[in-house]
């Protein structure tokens, strides 16, 4: 089984091969929407550079890989997912022995002033968060994936790495620029489809974000 091979590879502190990641993508059975092997490679390379809780925005194959990597290093993953059916599929796919390391939280999208994002209470996310994998909510969401900064920025550790997928799209590229400015972050890795930034020191960072009247 591919996930078992991945666990053995991570236990040796080795990097999974591209062939193994492609096998995992095929076995997941949703290649059109699943994270690419390139994105998964960058994710697994960035994660060891961080410590502390991991937050994932949008669940799927990446959740399985993060759970395996978190188990190997004694960390936890909190995955936010707005679609309850997709969340159930993801959690069912996580092997039972890895489930203590991965929580898939059903968090419907909520309307905030200027953007929509997962309807969470920021205080419910353990901090300081060391690593964020952002592949959700869908890019068509009002404001795209920008809400991570205003909602969780104050809970990100200094040195936290945020990996954003789909940055070949203009909307995601602009989000990276805004996060760099608002979170005191800098770009540390760019590929053709994803970008990783590292959060810097923010001596006076503070965001007060309230839900708008209506929700979705």
C-alpha atoms as a PDB file:
ATOM      1  CA  UNK A   1       0.000   0.000   0.000  1.00  0.00           C
ATOM      2  CA  UNK A   2       1.371   3.401  -1.014  1.00  0.00           C
ATOM      3  CA  UNK A   3       0.637   5.143   2.292  1.00  0.00           C
ATOM      4  CA  UNK A   4       2.532   2.413   4.182  1.00  0.00           C
ATOM      5  CA  UNK A   5       5.502   2.911   1.857  1.00  0.00           C
ATOM      6  CA  UNK A   6       5.324   6.620   2.564  1.00  0.00           C
ATOM      7  CA  UNK A   7       5.375   6.013   6.326  1.00  0.00           C
ATOM      8  CA  UNK A   8       8.426   3.766   6.031  1.00  0.00           C
ATOM      9  CA  UNK A   9      10.174   6.394   3.928  1.00  0.00           C
ATOM     10  CA  UNK A  10       9.427   9.182   6.418  1.00  0.00           C
ATOM     11  CA  UNK A  11      10.531   6.986   9.331  1.00  0.00           C
ATOM     12  CA  UNK A  12      13.969   6.831   7.686  1.00  0.00           C
ATOM     13  CA  UNK A  13      14.022  10.636   7.366  1.00  0.00           C
ATOM     14  CA  UNK A  14      14.116  10.120   3.617  1.00  0.00           C
ATOM     15  CA  UNK A  15      12.303  12.107   0.955  1.00  0.00           C
ATOM     16  CA  UNK A  16       9.539  10.277  -0.917  1.00  0.00           C
ATOM     17  CA  UNK A  17      10.282   9.699  -4.577  1.00  0.00           C
ATOM     18  CA  UNK A  18       8.294  11.410  -7.294  1.00  0.00           C
ATOM     19  CA  UNK A  19       7.126   7.964  -8.417  1.00  0.00           C
ATOM     20  CA  UNK A  20       5.671   7.222  -4.965  1.00  0.00           C
ATOM     21  CA  UNK A  21       3.890  10.586  -4.853  1.00  0.00           C
ATOM     22  CA  UNK A  22       2.429   9.996  -8.311  1.00  0.00           C
ATOM     23  CA  UNK A  23       1.245   6.564  -7.147  1.00  0.00           C
ATOM     24  CA  UNK A  24      -0.436   8.152  -4.135  1.00  0.00           C
ATOM     25  CA  UNK A  25      -2.127  10.701  -6.389  1.00  0.00           C
ATOM     26  CA  UNK A  26      -3.445   7.993  -8.711  1.00  0.00           C
ATOM     27  CA  UNK A  27      -4.641   5.803  -5.853  1.00  0.00           C
ATOM     28  CA  UNK A  28      -6.524   8.743  -4.338  1.00  0.00           C
ATOM     29  CA  UNK A  29      -8.662   8.650  -7.477  1.00  0.00           C
ATOM     30  CA  UNK A  30      -9.322  12.377  -7.956  1.00  0.00           C
ATOM     31  CA  UNK A  31      -6.396  13.497 -10.074  1.00  0.00           C
ATOM     32  CA  UNK A  32      -8.228  16.450 -11.639  1.00  0.00           C
ATOM     33  CA  UNK A  33      -8.601  18.143  -8.239  1.00  0.00           C
ATOM     34  CA  UNK A  34      -5.929  16.442  -6.151  1.00  0.00           C
ATOM     35  CA  UNK A  35      -2.706  18.147  -5.148  1.00  0.00           C
ATOM     36  CA  UNK A  36       0.059  17.609  -7.687  1.00  0.00           C
ATOM     37  CA  UNK A  37       3.165  15.555  -6.990  1.00  0.00           C
ATOM     38  CA  UNK A  38       5.150  18.803  -7.202  1.00  0.00           C
ATOM     39  CA  UNK A  39       3.021  20.475  -4.545  1.00  0.00           C
ATOM     40  CA  UNK A  40       3.226  17.416  -2.275  1.00  0.00           C
ATOM     41  CA  UNK A  41       7.001  17.338  -2.684  1.00  0.00           C
ATOM     42  CA  UNK A  42       7.351  21.000  -1.672  1.00  0.00           C
ATOM     43  CA  UNK A  43       4.971  20.402   1.252  1.00  0.00           C
ATOM     44  CA  UNK A  44       7.037  17.513   2.613  1.00  0.00           C
ATOM     45  CA  UNK A  45      10.253  19.486   2.129  1.00  0.00           C
ATOM     46  CA  UNK A  46       8.947  22.562   3.967  1.00  0.00           C
ATOM     47  CA  UNK A  47       7.339  20.770   6.895  1.00  0.00           C
ATOM     48  CA  UNK A  48      10.601  19.597   8.575  1.00  0.00           C
ATOM     49  CA  UNK A  49      11.788  23.207   8.623  1.00  0.00           C
ATOM     50  CA  UNK A  50       9.021  24.009  11.118  1.00  0.00           C
ATOM     51  CA  UNK A  51       7.748  22.916  14.523  1.00  0.00           C
ATOM     52  CA  UNK A  52       4.402  22.991  16.283  1.00  0.00           C
ATOM     53  CA  UNK A  53       0.809  22.458  15.118  1.00  0.00           C
ATOM     54  CA  UNK A  54       0.007  22.252  11.416  1.00  0.00           C
ATOM     55  CA  UNK A  55      -3.076  23.839   9.848  1.00  0.00           C
ATOM     56  CA  UNK A  56      -4.391  22.698   6.497  1.00  0.00           C
ATOM     57  CA  UNK A  57      -6.983  24.660   4.526  1.00  0.00           C
ATOM     58  CA  UNK A  58      -8.856  22.193   2.321  1.00  0.00           C
ATOM     59  CA  UNK A  59      -8.593  18.457   2.959  1.00  0.00           C
ATOM     60  CA  UNK A  60      -7.734  15.584   0.642  1.00  0.00           C
ATOM     61  CA  UNK A  61      -4.693  13.549  -0.320  1.00  0.00           C
ATOM     62  CA  UNK A  62      -2.439  16.127   1.313  1.00  0.00           C
ATOM     63  CA  UNK A  63      -4.158  15.378   4.638  1.00  0.00           C
ATOM     64  CA  UNK A  64      -3.025  11.742   4.459  1.00  0.00           C
ATOM     65  CA  UNK A  65       0.555  12.761   3.762  1.00  0.00           C
ATOM     66  CA  UNK A  66       0.549  15.390   6.498  1.00  0.00           C
ATOM     67  CA  UNK A  67      -0.880  12.854   8.961  1.00  0.00           C
ATOM     68  CA  UNK A  68       1.911  10.399   8.146  1.00  0.00           C
ATOM     69  CA  UNK A  69       4.575  13.090   8.450  1.00  0.00           C
ATOM     70  CA  UNK A  70       3.050  14.438  11.675  1.00  0.00           C
ATOM     71  CA  UNK A  71       2.993  10.962  13.230  1.00  0.00           C
ATOM     72  CA  UNK A  72       6.667  10.519  12.391  1.00  0.00           C
ATOM     73  CA  UNK A  73       7.539  13.777  14.171  1.00  0.00           C
ATOM     74  CA  UNK A  74       4.985  13.812  17.013  1.00  0.00           C
ATOM     75  CA  UNK A  75       2.933  16.706  15.626  1.00  0.00           C
ATOM     76  CA  UNK A  76      -0.769  17.279  14.905  1.00  0.00           C
ATOM     77  CA  UNK A  77      -2.673  18.445  11.837  1.00  0.00           C
ATOM     78  CA  UNK A  78      -5.906  20.439  11.924  1.00  0.00           C
ATOM     79  CA  UNK A  79      -7.559  20.319   8.507  1.00  0.00           C
ATOM     80  CA  UNK A  80     -10.371  22.776   7.727  1.00  0.00           C
ATOM     81  CA  UNK A  81     -12.952  21.578   5.196  1.00  0.00           C
ATOM     82  CA  UNK A  82     -16.196  23.306   4.188  1.00  0.00           C
ATOM     83  CA  UNK A  83     -17.727  20.283   2.413  1.00  0.00           C
ATOM     84  CA  UNK A  84     -18.974  17.683   4.935  1.00  0.00           C
ATOM     85  CA  UNK A  85     -19.058  14.867   2.357  1.00  0.00           C
ATOM     86  CA  UNK A  86     -15.488  15.532   1.299  1.00  0.00           C
ATOM     87  CA  UNK A  87     -14.397  15.779   4.935  1.00  0.00           C
ATOM     88  CA  UNK A  88     -15.951  12.367   5.619  1.00  0.00           C
ATOM     89  CA  UNK A  89     -14.159  10.847   2.624  1.00  0.00           C
ATOM     90  CA  UNK A  90     -10.836  12.278   3.721  1.00  0.00           C
ATOM     91  CA  UNK A  91     -11.157  11.111   7.307  1.00  0.00           C
ATOM     92  CA  UNK A  92     -12.229   7.631   6.189  1.00  0.00           C
ATOM     93  CA  UNK A  93      -9.089   7.398   4.053  1.00  0.00           C
ATOM     94  CA  UNK A  94      -6.745   8.277   6.926  1.00  0.00           C
ATOM     95  CA  UNK A  95      -5.468   4.999   8.428  1.00  0.00           C
ATOM     96  CA  UNK A  96      -6.777   4.441  11.941  1.00  0.00           C
ATOM     97  CA  UNK A  97      -3.334   4.545  13.553  1.00  0.00           C
ATOM     98  CA  UNK A  98      -2.747   8.000  12.022  1.00  0.00           C
ATOM     99  CA  UNK A  99      -6.076   9.527  13.041  1.00  0.00           C
ATOM    100  CA  UNK A 100      -4.808  10.784  16.437  1.00  0.00           C
ATOM    101  CA  UNK A 101      -2.481  13.030  14.453  1.00  0.00           C
ATOM    102  CA  UNK A 102      -5.061  14.447  12.017  1.00  0.00           C
ATOM    103  CA  UNK A 103      -8.356  16.200  12.735  1.00  0.00           C
ATOM    104  CA  UNK A 104     -10.648  17.043   9.823  1.00  0.00           C
ATOM    105  CA  UNK A 105     -12.945  19.826  11.016  1.00  0.00           C
ATOM    106  CA  UNK A 106     -16.133  20.567   9.062  1.00  0.00           C
ATOM    107  CA  UNK A 107     -16.157  24.357   8.900  1.00  0.00           C
ATOM    108  CA  UNK A 108     -18.750  25.876   6.512  1.00  0.00           C
ATOM    109  CA  UNK A 109     -17.738  29.094   4.813  1.00  0.00           C
ATOM    110  CA  UNK A 110     -18.779  32.258   6.622  1.00  0.00           C
ATOM    111  CA  UNK A 111     -19.185  35.763   5.282  1.00  0.00           C
ATOM    112  CA  UNK A 112     -16.761  38.308   6.718  1.00  0.00           C
ATOM    113  CA  UNK A 113     -16.290  41.948   5.790  1.00  0.00           C
ATOM    114  CA  UNK A 114     -14.528  41.827   2.426  1.00  0.00           C
ATOM    115  CA  UNK A 115     -14.110  38.079   2.045  1.00  0.00           C
ATOM    116  CA  UNK A 116     -15.531  34.634   2.828  1.00  0.00           C
ATOM    117  CA  UNK A 117     -13.531  32.056   4.752  1.00  0.00           C
ATOM    118  CA  UNK A 118     -13.903  29.084   7.055  1.00  0.00           C
ATOM    119  CA  UNK A 119     -16.249  29.788   9.944  1.00  0.00           C
ATOM    120  CA  UNK A 120     -13.868  29.122  12.811  1.00  0.00           C
ATOM    121  CA  UNK A 121     -13.123  30.680  16.151  1.00  0.00           C
ATOM    122  CA  UNK A 122      -9.415  31.523  15.913  1.00  0.00           C
ATOM    123  CA  UNK A 123      -8.917  30.635  19.578  1.00  0.00           C
ATOM    124  CA  UNK A 124      -9.891  27.037  18.740  1.00  0.00           C
ATOM    125  CA  UNK A 125      -6.672  26.645  16.727  1.00  0.00           C
ATOM    126  CA  UNK A 126      -3.716  25.658  18.941  1.00  0.00           C
ATOM    127  CA  UNK A 127      -0.893  28.148  18.666  1.00  0.00           C
ATOM    128  CA  UNK A 128       1.719  29.025  17.734  1.00  0.00           C
ATOM    129  CA  UNK A 129       1.049  27.371  14.371  1.00  0.00           C
ATOM    130  CA  UNK A 130       4.285  26.341  12.706  1.00  0.00           C
ATOM    131  CA  UNK A 131       3.169  25.267   9.248  1.00  0.00           C
ATOM    132  CA  UNK A 132       0.166  26.039   7.049  1.00  0.00           C
ATOM    133  CA  UNK A 133      -0.807  24.220   3.852  1.00  0.00           C
ATOM    134  CA  UNK A 134      -3.369  26.301   1.974  1.00  0.00           C
ATOM    135  CA  UNK A 135      -5.254  24.675  -0.896  1.00  0.00           C
ATOM    136  CA  UNK A 136      -8.712  25.951   0.045  1.00  0.00           C
ATOM    137  CA  UNK A 137     -11.308  27.280   0.077  1.00  0.00           C
ATOM    138  CA  UNK A 138     -12.055  27.140  -3.675  1.00  0.00           C
ATOM    139  CA  UNK A 139     -10.460  29.924  -5.674  1.00  0.00           C
ATOM    140  CA  UNK A 140     -13.938  31.121  -6.715  1.00  0.00           C
ATOM    141  CA  UNK A 141     -14.764  31.978  -3.087  1.00  0.00           C
ATOM    142  CA  UNK A 142     -15.232  35.716  -2.453  1.00  0.00           C
ATOM    143  CA  UNK A 143     -11.752  36.910  -1.554  1.00  0.00           C
ATOM    144  CA  UNK A 144     -10.244  33.557  -2.534  1.00  0.00           C
ATOM    145  CA  UNK A 145      -7.937  32.182   0.167  1.00  0.00           C
ATOM    146  CA  UNK A 146      -7.012  35.558   1.624  1.00  0.00           C
ATOM    147  CA  UNK A 147      -8.940  35.045   4.892  1.00  0.00           C
ATOM    148  CA  UNK A 148      -6.147  32.963   6.392  1.00  0.00           C
ATOM    149  CA  UNK A 149      -4.160  36.122   7.111  1.00  0.00           C
ATOM    150  CA  UNK A 150      -6.841  38.191   8.874  1.00  0.00           C
ATOM    151  CA  UNK A 151      -8.318  35.215  10.755  1.00  0.00           C
ATOM    152  CA  UNK A 152      -5.243  33.249  11.827  1.00  0.00           C
ATOM    153  CA  UNK A 153      -2.358  35.664  11.328  1.00  0.00           C
ATOM    154  CA  UNK A 154      -2.022  36.376  15.050  1.00  0.00           C
ATOM    155  CA  UNK A 155      -1.769  32.628  15.778  1.00  0.00           C
ATOM    156  CA  UNK A 156       1.110  31.981  13.379  1.00  0.00           C
ATOM    157  CA  UNK A 157       4.532  31.533  14.927  1.00  0.00           C
ATOM    158  CA  UNK A 158       7.416  33.747  13.944  1.00  0.00           C
ATOM    159  CA  UNK A 159       9.101  31.613  11.300  1.00  0.00           C
ATOM    160  CA  UNK A 160       5.883  29.824  10.352  1.00  0.00           C
ATOM    161  CA  UNK A 161       5.891  28.636   6.749  1.00  0.00           C
ATOM    162  CA  UNK A 162       2.702  29.110   4.724  1.00  0.00           C
ATOM    163  CA  UNK A 163       2.485  27.106   1.501  1.00  0.00           C
ATOM    164  CA  UNK A 164      -0.145  28.338  -0.968  1.00  0.00           C
ATOM    165  CA  UNK A 165      -1.170  26.288  -3.993  1.00  0.00           C
ATOM    166  CA  UNK A 166      -2.274  27.603  -7.406  1.00  0.00           C
ATOM    167  CA  UNK A 167      -0.141  30.735  -7.310  1.00  0.00           C
ATOM    168  CA  UNK A 168       0.124  30.650 -11.090  1.00  0.00           C
ATOM    169  CA  UNK A 169      -3.340  32.231 -10.940  1.00  0.00           C
ATOM    170  CA  UNK A 170      -3.434  36.043 -10.622  1.00  0.00           C
ATOM    171  CA  UNK A 171      -5.774  35.940  -7.606  1.00  0.00           C
ATOM    172  CA  UNK A 172      -3.509  33.692  -5.541  1.00  0.00           C
ATOM    173  CA  UNK A 173      -0.446  35.678  -6.622  1.00  0.00           C
ATOM    174  CA  UNK A 174      -2.043  38.857  -5.254  1.00  0.00           C
ATOM    175  CA  UNK A 175      -2.869  37.049  -2.004  1.00  0.00           C
ATOM    176  CA  UNK A 176       0.810  36.159  -1.559  1.00  0.00           C
ATOM    177  CA  UNK A 177       1.695  39.835  -1.993  1.00  0.00           C
ATOM    178  CA  UNK A 178      -0.892  40.892   0.603  1.00  0.00           C
ATOM    179  CA  UNK A 179       0.226  38.246   3.101  1.00  0.00           C
ATOM    180  CA  UNK A 180       3.863  39.275   2.704  1.00  0.00           C
ATOM    181  CA  UNK A 181       2.910  42.851   3.483  1.00  0.00           C
ATOM    182  CA  UNK A 182       0.451  42.162   6.308  1.00  0.00           C
ATOM    183  CA  UNK A 183       2.259  39.247   7.992  1.00  0.00           C
ATOM    184  CA  UNK A 184       5.779  40.570   7.614  1.00  0.00           C
ATOM    185  CA  UNK A 185       6.511  37.523   5.461  1.00  0.00           C
ATOM    186  CA  UNK A 186       8.965  36.832   2.665  1.00  0.00           C
ATOM    187  CA  UNK A 187       8.948  34.336  -0.181  1.00  0.00           C
ATOM    188  CA  UNK A 188      11.294  31.399   0.401  1.00  0.00           C
ATOM    189  CA  UNK A 189      10.251  29.019  -2.383  1.00  0.00           C
ATOM    190  CA  UNK A 190       8.449  29.355  -5.705  1.00  0.00           C
ATOM    191  CA  UNK A 191       7.513  26.755  -8.276  1.00  0.00           C
ATOM    192  CA  UNK A 192       5.333  26.986 -11.357  1.00  0.00           C
ATOM    193  CA  UNK A 193       2.183  26.343  -9.285  1.00  0.00           C
ATOM    194  CA  UNK A 194       2.859  27.052  -5.595  1.00  0.00           C
ATOM    195  CA  UNK A 195       4.655  29.507  -3.332  1.00  0.00           C
ATOM    196  CA  UNK A 196       5.991  29.197   0.221  1.00  0.00           C
ATOM    197  CA  UNK A 197       6.424  32.220   2.480  1.00  0.00           C
ATOM    198  CA  UNK A 198       7.990  32.534   5.926  1.00  0.00           C
ATOM    199  CA  UNK A 199       6.304  34.747   8.505  1.00  0.00           C
ATOM    200  CA  UNK A 200       8.584  37.317  10.083  1.00  0.00           C
ATOM    201  CA  UNK A 201       8.545  39.176  13.364  1.00  0.00           C
ATOM    202  CA  UNK A 202       5.423  41.275  13.850  1.00  0.00           C
ATOM    203  CA  UNK A 203       5.792  43.450  16.932  1.00  0.00           C
ATOM    204  CA  UNK A 204       2.341  45.027  16.669  1.00  0.00           C
ATOM    205  CA  UNK A 205       0.339  42.625  14.500  1.00  0.00           C
ATOM    206  CA  UNK A 206      -3.309  42.557  15.438  1.00  0.00           C
ATOM    207  CA  UNK A 207      -6.430  41.687  13.486  1.00  0.00           C
ATOM    208  CA  UNK A 208      -9.989  42.020  14.718  1.00  0.00           C
ATOM    209  CA  UNK A 209     -12.278  40.328  12.229  1.00  0.00           C
ATOM    210  CA  UNK A 210     -15.978  39.936  12.816  1.00  0.00           C
ATOM    211  CA  UNK A 211     -18.452  37.909  10.767  1.00  0.00           C
ATOM    212  CA  UNK A 212     -20.825  39.894   8.601  1.00  0.00           C
ATOM    213  CA  UNK A 213     -24.544  39.646   9.234  1.00  0.00           C
ATOM    214  CA  UNK A 214     -25.240  36.907   6.702  1.00  0.00           C
ATOM    215  CA  UNK A 215     -23.525  33.517   6.504  1.00  0.00           C
ATOM    216  CA  UNK A 216     -23.216  30.908   3.804  1.00  0.00           C
END
